[in-house]
C-alpha atoms as a PDB file:
ATOM      1  CA  MET A   1     -35.108  10.583  -7.375  1.00  0.00           C
ATOM      2  CA  LYS A   2     -31.845  10.158  -4.656  1.00  0.00           C
ATOM      3  CA  LEU A   3     -31.974  12.450  -2.047  1.00  0.00           C
ATOM      4  CA  ARG A   4     -29.576  13.268   0.576  1.00  0.00           C
ATOM      5  CA  ILE A   5     -30.607  13.865   3.659  1.00  0.00           C
ATOM      6  CA  ALA A   6     -28.651  14.931   6.940  1.00  0.00           C
ATOM      7  CA  THR A   7     -30.088  15.713  10.544  1.00  0.00           C
ATOM      8  CA  TYR A   8     -27.498  17.846  13.036  1.00  0.00           C
ATOM      9  CA  ASN A   9     -27.846  18.947  16.067  1.00  0.00           C
ATOM     10  CA  ILE A  10     -24.995  22.191  16.158  1.00  0.00           C
ATOM     11  CA  HIS A  11     -24.830  22.827  19.723  1.00  0.00           C
ATOM     12  CA  LYS A  12     -25.317  26.549  18.914  1.00  0.00           C
ATOM     13  CA  GLY A  13     -22.160  27.187  16.915  1.00  0.00           C
ATOM     14  CA  VAL A  14     -19.946  26.651  19.813  1.00  0.00           C
ATOM     15  CA  SER A  15     -17.920  23.895  21.348  1.00  0.00           C
ATOM     16  CA  SER A  16     -19.175  21.558  24.030  1.00  0.00           C
ATOM     17  CA  PHE A  17     -16.634  22.923  26.552  1.00  0.00           C
ATOM     18  CA  GLY A  18     -15.623  26.216  27.037  1.00  0.00           C
ATOM     19  CA  GLY A  19     -17.969  27.629  24.481  1.00  0.00           C
ATOM     20  CA  ARG A  20     -15.718  28.344  21.362  1.00  0.00           C
ATOM     21  CA  PRO A  21     -16.548  29.262  18.345  1.00  0.00           C
ATOM     22  CA  ARG A  22     -17.342  26.536  16.196  1.00  0.00           C
ATOM     23  CA  ILE A  23     -19.216  27.853  13.648  1.00  0.00           C
ATOM     24  CA  HIS A  24     -17.566  28.801  10.443  1.00  0.00           C
ATOM     25  CA  ALA A  25     -15.608  24.498  10.747  1.00  0.00           C
ATOM     26  CA  LEU A  26     -19.245  23.369  10.838  1.00  0.00           C
ATOM     27  CA  LYS A  27     -20.273  25.091   7.925  1.00  0.00           C
ATOM     28  CA  GLN A  28     -16.986  23.727   5.936  1.00  0.00           C
ATOM     29  CA  ALA A  29     -18.045  20.601   7.564  1.00  0.00           C
ATOM     30  CA  ILE A  30     -21.915  20.831   6.752  1.00  0.00           C
ATOM     31  CA  SER A  31     -20.506  21.723   3.309  1.00  0.00           C
ATOM     32  CA  CYS A  32     -18.941  18.083   2.578  1.00  0.00           C
ATOM     33  CA  LEU A  33     -22.096  16.158   3.407  1.00  0.00           C
ATOM     34  CA  HIS A  34     -23.484  17.570   0.324  1.00  0.00           C
ATOM     35  CA  ALA A  35     -27.298  17.260   1.401  1.00  0.00           C
ATOM     36  CA  ASP A  36     -29.977  17.916  -0.606  1.00  0.00           C
ATOM     37  CA  LEU A  37     -32.323  18.869   2.647  1.00  0.00           C
ATOM     38  CA  LEU A  38     -30.178  19.518   6.063  1.00  0.00           C
ATOM     39  CA  PHE A  39     -32.402  19.482   9.244  1.00  0.00           C
ATOM     40  CA  LEU A  40     -30.732  21.843  12.322  1.00  0.00           C
ATOM     41  CA  GLN A  41     -31.531  21.901  15.869  1.00  0.00           C
ATOM     42  CA  GLU A  42     -30.076  24.206  18.546  1.00  0.00           C
ATOM     43  CA  VAL A  43     -29.361  26.970  15.794  1.00  0.00           C
ATOM     44  CA  GLN A  44     -28.622  30.374  16.574  1.00  0.00           C
ATOM     45  CA  GLY A  45     -30.364  32.865  15.198  1.00  0.00           C
ATOM     46  CA  ARG A  46     -29.220  35.836  17.021  1.00  0.00           C
ATOM     47  CA  HIS A  47     -26.423  36.163  20.401  1.00  0.00           C
ATOM     48  CA  ASP A  48     -25.320  39.693  20.832  1.00  0.00           C
ATOM     49  CA  LEU A  49     -23.147  38.430  23.606  1.00  0.00           C
ATOM     50  CA  LEU A  50     -21.287  35.867  21.667  1.00  0.00           C
ATOM     51  CA  ALA A  51     -21.117  38.336  19.467  1.00  0.00           C
ATOM     52  CA  ALA A  52     -19.668  40.739  20.882  1.00  0.00           C
ATOM     53  CA  LYS A  53     -16.784  38.667  22.509  1.00  0.00           C
ATOM     54  CA  HIS A  54     -15.779  37.037  19.355  1.00  0.00           C
ATOM     55  CA  ALA A  55     -16.476  39.576  17.453  1.00  0.00           C
ATOM     56  CA  SER A  56     -14.462  38.678  13.843  1.00  0.00           C
ATOM     57  CA  ASN A  57     -15.145  34.811  14.521  1.00  0.00           C
ATOM     58  CA  TRP A  58     -19.179  35.263  14.512  1.00  0.00           C
ATOM     59  CA  PRO A  59     -21.154  36.088  11.738  1.00  0.00           C
ATOM     60  CA  GLU A  60     -23.315  39.025  11.044  1.00  0.00           C
ATOM     61  CA  GLU A  61     -26.354  36.644  10.444  1.00  0.00           C
ATOM     62  CA  GLY A  62     -28.701  34.332  12.332  1.00  0.00           C
ATOM     63  CA  GLN A  63     -26.597  30.960  12.152  1.00  0.00           C
ATOM     64  CA  HIS A  64     -29.311  29.077   9.421  1.00  0.00           C
ATOM     65  CA  ASP A  65     -28.266  31.879   6.881  1.00  0.00           C
ATOM     66  CA  PHE A  66     -24.865  31.593   7.650  1.00  0.00           C
ATOM     67  CA  LEU A  67     -25.002  27.850   7.252  1.00  0.00           C
ATOM     68  CA  ALA A  68     -27.062  28.154   4.278  1.00  0.00           C
ATOM     69  CA  GLY A  69     -24.798  30.303   2.205  1.00  0.00           C
ATOM     70  CA  ASP A  70     -25.686  31.825  -1.468  1.00  0.00           C
ATOM     71  CA  ASP A  71     -29.058  32.338  -3.162  1.00  0.00           C
ATOM     72  CA  SER A  72     -28.489  28.390  -4.596  1.00  0.00           C
ATOM     73  CA  TYR A  73     -29.865  27.114  -1.196  1.00  0.00           C
ATOM     74  CA  HIS A  74     -33.360  27.958   0.369  1.00  0.00           C
ATOM     75  CA  VAL A  75     -33.525  28.009   4.105  1.00  0.00           C
ATOM     76  CA  ALA A  76     -36.238  27.750   7.067  1.00  0.00           C
ATOM     77  CA  TYR A  77     -36.276  29.041  10.597  1.00  0.00           C
ATOM     78  CA  GLY A  78     -38.473  28.290  13.261  1.00  0.00           C
ATOM     79  CA  MET A  79     -37.904  30.310  16.374  1.00  0.00           C
ATOM     80  CA  ASN A  80     -38.353  28.705  19.762  1.00  0.00           C
ATOM     81  CA  ALA A  81     -36.408  29.957  22.794  1.00  0.00           C
ATOM     82  CA  VAL A  82     -36.673  33.838  23.138  1.00  0.00           C
ATOM     83  CA  TYR A  83     -34.151  35.666  25.441  1.00  0.00           C
ATOM     84  CA  ASP A  84     -32.755  39.467  26.272  1.00  0.00           C
ATOM     85  CA  HIS A  85     -29.618  38.713  24.166  1.00  0.00           C
ATOM     86  CA  GLY A  86     -31.395  36.540  21.137  1.00  0.00           C
ATOM     87  CA  HIS A  87     -33.087  33.526  20.230  1.00  0.00           C
ATOM     88  CA  HIS A  88     -32.413  30.339  19.062  1.00  0.00           C
ATOM     89  CA  GLY A  89     -34.903  27.181  17.290  1.00  0.00           C
ATOM     90  CA  ASN A  90     -34.609  24.658  14.256  1.00  0.00           C
ATOM     91  CA  ALA A  91     -33.961  25.264  10.275  1.00  0.00           C
ATOM     92  CA  LEU A  92     -34.364  23.594   7.664  1.00  0.00           C
ATOM     93  CA  VAL A  93     -31.862  24.362   4.514  1.00  0.00           C
ATOM     94  CA  SER A  94     -32.755  23.242   1.651  1.00  0.00           C
ATOM     95  CA  ARG A  95     -31.062  23.041  -2.567  1.00  0.00           C
ATOM     96  CA  TYR A  96     -35.082  22.702  -3.279  1.00  0.00           C
ATOM     97  CA  PRO A  97     -37.524  26.170  -3.214  1.00  0.00           C
ATOM     98  CA  ILE A  98     -39.324  25.642   0.164  1.00  0.00           C
ATOM     99  CA  ALA A  99     -43.590  26.575  -0.738  1.00  0.00           C
ATOM    100  CA  SER A 100     -44.368  27.438   2.831  1.00  0.00           C
ATOM    101  CA  PHE A 101     -43.044  26.945   6.153  1.00  0.00           C
ATOM    102  CA  SER A 102     -44.715  27.326   9.927  1.00  0.00           C
ATOM    103  CA  ASN A 103     -43.531  26.494  13.534  1.00  0.00           C
ATOM    104  CA  GLN A 104     -45.549  24.992  16.307  1.00  0.00           C
ATOM    105  CA  ASP A 105     -44.918  25.726  19.679  1.00  0.00           C
ATOM    106  CA  VAL A 106     -45.179  22.201  21.428  1.00  0.00           C
ATOM    107  CA  SER A 107     -42.949  23.787  24.834  1.00  0.00           C
ATOM    108  CA  ASP A 108     -44.311  21.885  27.868  1.00  0.00           C
ATOM    109  CA  HIS A 109     -42.901  24.171  30.216  1.00  0.00           C
ATOM    110  CA  ALA A 110     -41.449  27.760  30.694  1.00  0.00           C
ATOM    111  CA  PHE A 111     -37.495  26.394  30.844  1.00  0.00           C
ATOM    112  CA  GLU A 112     -37.740  24.125  27.771  1.00  0.00           C
ATOM    113  CA  LYS A 113     -38.992  26.009  24.709  1.00  0.00           C
ATOM    114  CA  ARG A 114     -39.467  23.575  22.024  1.00  0.00           C
ATOM    115  CA  GLY A 115     -41.093  23.727  18.577  1.00  0.00           C
ATOM    116  CA  ILE A 116     -42.000  21.849  15.749  1.00  0.00           C
ATOM    117  CA  LEU A 117     -40.962  22.973  11.966  1.00  0.00           C
ATOM    118  CA  HIS A 118     -43.062  22.481   8.882  1.00  0.00           C
ATOM    119  CA  CYS A 119     -41.547  22.574   6.089  1.00  0.00           C
ATOM    120  CA  VAL A 120     -42.872  22.102   2.483  1.00  0.00           C
ATOM    121  CA  VAL A 121     -40.347  21.758  -0.003  1.00  0.00           C
ATOM    122  CA  ARG A 122     -41.087  21.501  -3.991  1.00  0.00           C
ATOM    123  CA  ILE A 123     -38.445  18.605  -5.321  1.00  0.00           C
ATOM    124  CA  LEU A 124     -40.624  18.026  -8.805  1.00  0.00           C
ATOM    125  CA  ASP A 125     -43.552  19.876  -9.488  1.00  0.00           C
ATOM    126  CA  PRO A 126     -45.955  18.613  -8.797  1.00  0.00           C
ATOM    127  CA  ILE A 127     -44.198  16.918  -6.167  1.00  0.00           C
ATOM    128  CA  ASP A 128     -44.023  18.228  -2.174  1.00  0.00           C
ATOM    129  CA  ILE A 129     -41.711  16.686   0.843  1.00  0.00           C
ATOM    130  CA  HIS A 130     -43.333  17.465   4.015  1.00  0.00           C
ATOM    131  CA  CYS A 131     -40.583  18.071   6.244  1.00  0.00           C
ATOM    132  CA  PHE A 132     -40.689  18.115  10.425  1.00  0.00           C
ATOM    133  CA  VAL A 133     -37.909  19.485  12.042  1.00  0.00           C
ATOM    134  CA  ILE A 134     -38.051  18.381  15.576  1.00  0.00           C
ATOM    135  CA  HIS A 135     -36.373  18.703  19.431  1.00  0.00           C
ATOM    136  CA  LEU A 136     -37.996  16.981  22.076  1.00  0.00           C
ATOM    137  CA  GLY A 137     -37.179  17.679  25.538  1.00  0.00           C
ATOM    138  CA  LEU A 138     -35.413  15.864  28.127  1.00  0.00           C
ATOM    139  CA  PHE A 139     -38.119  14.601  30.521  1.00  0.00           C
ATOM    140  CA  ALA A 140     -40.222  11.424  29.521  1.00  0.00           C
ATOM    141  CA  GLY A 141     -43.114  13.067  30.182  1.00  0.00           C
ATOM    142  CA  SER A 142     -42.686  16.062  28.083  1.00  0.00           C
ATOM    143  CA  ARG A 143     -41.230  13.412  24.997  1.00  0.00           C
ATOM    144  CA  LYS A 144     -44.777  11.299  24.856  1.00  0.00           C
ATOM    145  CA  ARG A 145     -46.937  14.751  25.224  1.00  0.00           C
ATOM    146  CA  GLN A 146     -44.447  16.188  22.156  1.00  0.00           C
ATOM    147  CA  THR A 147     -44.750  12.946  20.177  1.00  0.00           C
ATOM    148  CA  ALA A 148     -48.553  13.089  20.364  1.00  0.00           C
ATOM    149  CA  ALA A 149     -48.504  16.438  19.114  1.00  0.00           C
ATOM    150  CA  LEU A 150     -45.906  15.635  16.107  1.00  0.00           C
ATOM    151  CA  VAL A 151     -48.158  12.948  14.815  1.00  0.00           C
ATOM    152  CA  ASP A 152     -51.395  15.018  14.827  1.00  0.00           C
ATOM    153  CA  ALA A 153     -48.915  17.459  12.778  1.00  0.00           C
ATOM    154  CA  VAL A 154     -48.283  15.441  10.633  1.00  0.00           C
ATOM    155  CA  LYS A 155     -51.358  14.106  10.341  1.00  0.00           C
ATOM    156  CA  GLU A 156     -53.028  17.333  10.051  1.00  0.00           C
ATOM    157  CA  LEU A 157     -50.573  18.823   7.615  1.00  0.00           C
ATOM    158  CA  ALA A 158     -49.313  16.008   5.539  1.00  0.00           C
ATOM    159  CA  PRO A 159     -51.649  14.019   3.306  1.00  0.00           C
ATOM    160  CA  SER A 160     -51.989  10.568   3.254  1.00  0.00           C
ATOM    161  CA  HIS A 161     -50.059  10.194  -0.190  1.00  0.00           C
ATOM    162  CA  ALA A 162     -47.806  12.857   0.472  1.00  0.00           C
ATOM    163  CA  PRO A 163     -43.792  11.584   1.488  1.00  0.00           C
ATOM    164  CA  VAL A 164     -42.761  12.706   4.747  1.00  0.00           C
ATOM    165  CA  ILE A 165     -39.409  13.129   6.777  1.00  0.00           C
ATOM    166  CA  ILE A 166     -39.408  13.639  10.398  1.00  0.00           C
ATOM    167  CA  ALA A 167     -35.559  14.626  11.662  1.00  0.00           C
ATOM    168  CA  GLY A 168     -33.942  15.871  14.630  1.00  0.00           C
ATOM    169  CA  ASP A 169     -33.028  15.088  18.435  1.00  0.00           C
ATOM    170  CA  PHE A 170     -35.184  13.141  19.631  1.00  0.00           C
ATOM    171  CA  ASN A 171     -33.416  12.848  23.253  1.00  0.00           C
ATOM    172  CA  ASP A 172     -35.394   9.460  23.157  1.00  0.00           C
ATOM    173  CA  TRP A 173     -32.492   7.179  24.933  1.00  0.00           C
ATOM    174  CA  THR A 174     -34.870   4.830  26.199  1.00  0.00           C
ATOM    175  CA  ASN A 175     -36.127   4.204  23.051  1.00  0.00           C
ATOM    176  CA  GLN A 176     -39.521   4.693  23.665  1.00  0.00           C
ATOM    177  CA  LEU A 177     -41.540   6.555  20.663  1.00  0.00           C
ATOM    178  CA  SER A 178     -40.133   4.397  17.364  1.00  0.00           C
ATOM    179  CA  ASP A 179     -43.360   2.122  17.760  1.00  0.00           C
ATOM    180  CA  THR A 180     -45.850   5.038  18.193  1.00  0.00           C
ATOM    181  CA  LEU A 181     -44.291   7.071  15.437  1.00  0.00           C
ATOM    182  CA  ARG A 182     -44.650   3.697  13.345  1.00  0.00           C
ATOM    183  CA  ALA A 183     -47.925   2.917  14.330  1.00  0.00           C
ATOM    184  CA  GLU A 184     -49.335   6.281  13.609  1.00  0.00           C
ATOM    185  CA  LEU A 185     -47.686   7.816  10.596  1.00  0.00           C
ATOM    186  CA  ASN A 186     -46.937   4.773   8.886  1.00  0.00           C
ATOM    187  CA  VAL A 187     -43.263   5.363   9.132  1.00  0.00           C
ATOM    188  CA  CYS A 188     -39.988   3.532   9.312  1.00  0.00           C
ATOM    189  CA  GLU A 189     -36.562   4.982  10.649  1.00  0.00           C
ATOM    190  CA  VAL A 190     -33.552   4.744   8.188  1.00  0.00           C
ATOM    191  CA  PHE A 191     -32.122   2.599  10.244  1.00  0.00           C
ATOM    192  CA  ASP A 192     -34.816   0.098  10.488  1.00  0.00           C
ATOM    193  CA  ASP A 193     -34.562  -3.623   9.475  1.00  0.00           C
ATOM    194  CA  THR A 194     -38.236  -3.067   7.749  1.00  0.00           C
ATOM    195  CA  ILE A 195     -39.871  -4.630   5.169  1.00  0.00           C
ATOM    196  CA  SER A 196     -38.183  -3.302   2.474  1.00  0.00           C
ATOM    197  CA  ARG A 197     -35.091  -4.933   4.019  1.00  0.00           C
ATOM    198  CA  ARG A 198     -35.581  -8.297   5.162  1.00  0.00           C
ATOM    199  CA  GLY A 199     -39.063  -9.109   3.592  1.00  0.00           C
ATOM    200  CA  PHE A 200     -42.672  -9.264   5.306  1.00  0.00           C
ATOM    201  CA  GLY A 201     -41.857 -12.471   7.201  1.00  0.00           C
ATOM    202  CA  THR A 202     -39.235 -10.325   9.816  1.00  0.00           C
ATOM    203  CA  TYR A 203     -41.843  -7.889  10.171  1.00  0.00           C
ATOM    204  CA  LEU A 204     -44.288  -9.897  11.544  1.00  0.00           C
ATOM    205  CA  ARG A 205     -41.806 -12.214  13.232  1.00  0.00           C
ATOM    206  CA  ARG A 206     -40.765  -8.718  14.781  1.00  0.00           C
ATOM    207  CA  LEU A 207     -44.208  -7.827  15.998  1.00  0.00           C
ATOM    208  CA  ALA A 208     -44.917 -11.346  17.607  1.00  0.00           C
ATOM    209  CA  GLY A 209     -42.035 -10.919  19.350  1.00  0.00           C
ATOM    210  CA  ARG A 210     -39.131 -13.148  17.747  1.00  0.00           C
ATOM    211  CA  GLY A 211     -38.225 -10.547  14.986  1.00  0.00           C
ATOM    212  CA  PRO A 212     -34.663  -8.849  15.580  1.00  0.00           C
ATOM    213  CA  VAL A 213     -35.626  -5.523  17.914  1.00  0.00           C
ATOM    214  CA  LEU A 214     -35.359  -1.947  15.914  1.00  0.00           C
ATOM    215  CA  LYS A 215     -33.256   0.433  17.306  1.00  0.00           C
ATOM    216  CA  PRO A 216     -31.875   3.890  16.296  1.00  0.00           C
ATOM    217  CA  ALA A 217     -27.945   4.393  15.576  1.00  0.00           C
ATOM    218  CA  ARG A 218     -26.008   5.807  18.715  1.00  0.00           C
ATOM    219  CA  THR A 219     -25.595   9.429  18.603  1.00  0.00           C
ATOM    220  CA  PHE A 220     -24.386  10.992  21.232  1.00  0.00           C
ATOM    221  CA  PRO A 221     -21.815  12.344  23.127  1.00  0.00           C
ATOM    222  CA  ALA A 222     -20.206  12.783  19.424  1.00  0.00           C
ATOM    223  CA  ALA A 223     -16.725  11.636  20.020  1.00  0.00           C
ATOM    224  CA  MET A 224     -17.637   8.244  21.152  1.00  0.00           C
ATOM    225  CA  PRO A 225     -21.644   7.500  21.068  1.00  0.00           C
ATOM    226  CA  LEU A 226     -23.463   6.025  23.657  1.00  0.00           C
ATOM    227  CA  LEU A 227     -27.246   7.471  23.504  1.00  0.00           C
ATOM    228  CA  GLN A 228     -29.932   7.253  20.939  1.00  0.00           C
ATOM    229  CA  LEU A 229     -30.739  10.389  20.606  1.00  0.00           C
ATOM    230  CA  ASP A 230     -31.190  11.925  17.063  1.00  0.00           C
ATOM    231  CA  ARG A 231     -33.686  10.306  13.863  1.00  0.00           C
ATOM    232  CA  ILE A 232     -34.247  10.277  10.703  1.00  0.00           C
ATOM    233  CA  TYR A 233     -37.943   8.803  10.220  1.00  0.00           C
ATOM    234  CA  VAL A 234     -39.495   8.122   6.107  1.00  0.00           C
ATOM    235  CA  ARG A 235     -42.704   7.906   4.982  1.00  0.00           C
ATOM    236  CA  GLY A 236     -42.772   7.337   0.764  1.00  0.00           C
ATOM    237  CA  PHE A 237     -39.210   6.673   0.934  1.00  0.00           C
ATOM    238  CA  THR A 238     -36.794   3.592   0.567  1.00  0.00           C
ATOM    239  CA  VAL A 239     -33.952   3.654   2.601  1.00  0.00           C
ATOM    240  CA  ASP A 240     -30.675   3.461   0.485  1.00  0.00           C
ATOM    241  CA  ASN A 241     -27.877   3.689   3.017  1.00  0.00           C
ATOM    242  CA  ALA A 242     -27.991   5.717   6.483  1.00  0.00           C
ATOM    243  CA  GLN A 243     -24.469   6.300   8.553  1.00  0.00           C
ATOM    244  CA  VAL A 244     -23.730   8.503  11.836  1.00  0.00           C
ATOM    245  CA  LEU A 245     -20.441  10.419  11.448  1.00  0.00           C
ATOM    246  CA  HIS A 246     -18.877  10.524  14.601  1.00  0.00           C
ATOM    247  CA  GLY A 247     -15.313  10.997  16.182  1.00  0.00           C
ATOM    248  CA  GLY A 248     -12.001  12.938  14.582  1.00  0.00           C
ATOM    249  CA  LEU A 249     -13.237  16.395  13.282  1.00  0.00           C
ATOM    250  CA  TRP A 250     -16.634  15.664  14.165  1.00  0.00           C
ATOM    251  CA  SER A 251     -16.459  15.056  18.036  1.00  0.00           C
ATOM    252  CA  LYS A 252     -14.642  18.580  17.968  1.00  0.00           C
ATOM    253  CA  LEU A 253     -17.681  20.495  16.100  1.00  0.00           C
ATOM    254  CA  SER A 254     -21.247  19.639  18.576  1.00  0.00           C
ATOM    255  CA  ASP A 255     -21.626  17.619  21.210  1.00  0.00           C
ATOM    256  CA  HIS A 256     -23.824  15.087  18.788  1.00  0.00           C
ATOM    257  CA  ALA A 257     -23.266  13.093  15.694  1.00  0.00           C
ATOM    258  CA  PRO A 258     -24.603  14.176  12.562  1.00  0.00           C
ATOM    259  CA  ILE A 259     -26.523  11.071  10.702  1.00  0.00           C
ATOM    260  CA  VAL A 260     -26.677  11.004   6.614  1.00  0.00           C
ATOM    261  CA  THR A 261     -29.082   9.415   4.552  1.00  0.00           C
ATOM    262  CA  THR A 262     -29.827   8.431   0.905  1.00  0.00           C
ATOM    263  CA  LEU A 263     -33.173   7.790   0.145  1.00  0.00           C
ATOM    264  CA  LEU A 264     -35.303   6.639  -3.056  1.00  0.00           C
ATOM    265  CA  LEU A 265     -38.102   8.687  -3.883  1.00  0.00           C
ATOM    266  CA  ASN A 266     -40.838   6.018  -3.843  1.00  0.00           C
ATOM    267  CA  LYS A 267     -43.419   5.672  -7.170  1.00  0.00           C
ATOM    268  CA  ASN A 268     -46.999   6.216  -6.379  1.00  0.00           C
END
């Protein structure tokens, strides 16, 4: 079975400079991704001030519901940051039914509210995919503790045989977290040169310090990506292809560029 996956930090549906609404253009662009599963960060569930200021260009519903569109898509929203005039968080938009979801608060301090959104997506009966939408903090110590919480959550919530997708904005521009996730959860990142790409010998050479360095793709800033912030980690899948969509239209929609990948579900 083939699945198309995307992850995207949408910058709360406004432009990076000037705070101009971009949510309608985002919806049109996202529809062109034809994603089966869409992992979203910085999703504005409610913002009374922007809704009043841009009444003719701001959706009445939350951005997660607006981007999901009609009833052919299913959506889960994890509210993380709450303030007087609204709230924002992470979301999953799915072509397949979301059997259950939960949101775990992993905030490290009061100024950065973060959460892990866990969704069980029923793609085939009885096959469930465990999806984790993540947006880690800006400080290295916070990211390390939040990664530990993510590892614990995956081990607790996803059976060892179950396919897993972890995607989002990791803010890990020095690439300090990938090896921990690989070792603890047996995942690979979709841009890895892993065993399935170059064979077990390459993997052993890498462990011995002689193989290729595994680096995620650059996704920030969207106009000319320099930093490796956004990731998709998978278990139980073979990566068919992966790409970053940047420049042009994408540079005007958010400060992050989306990652799109096609995955093949492994047979047990």
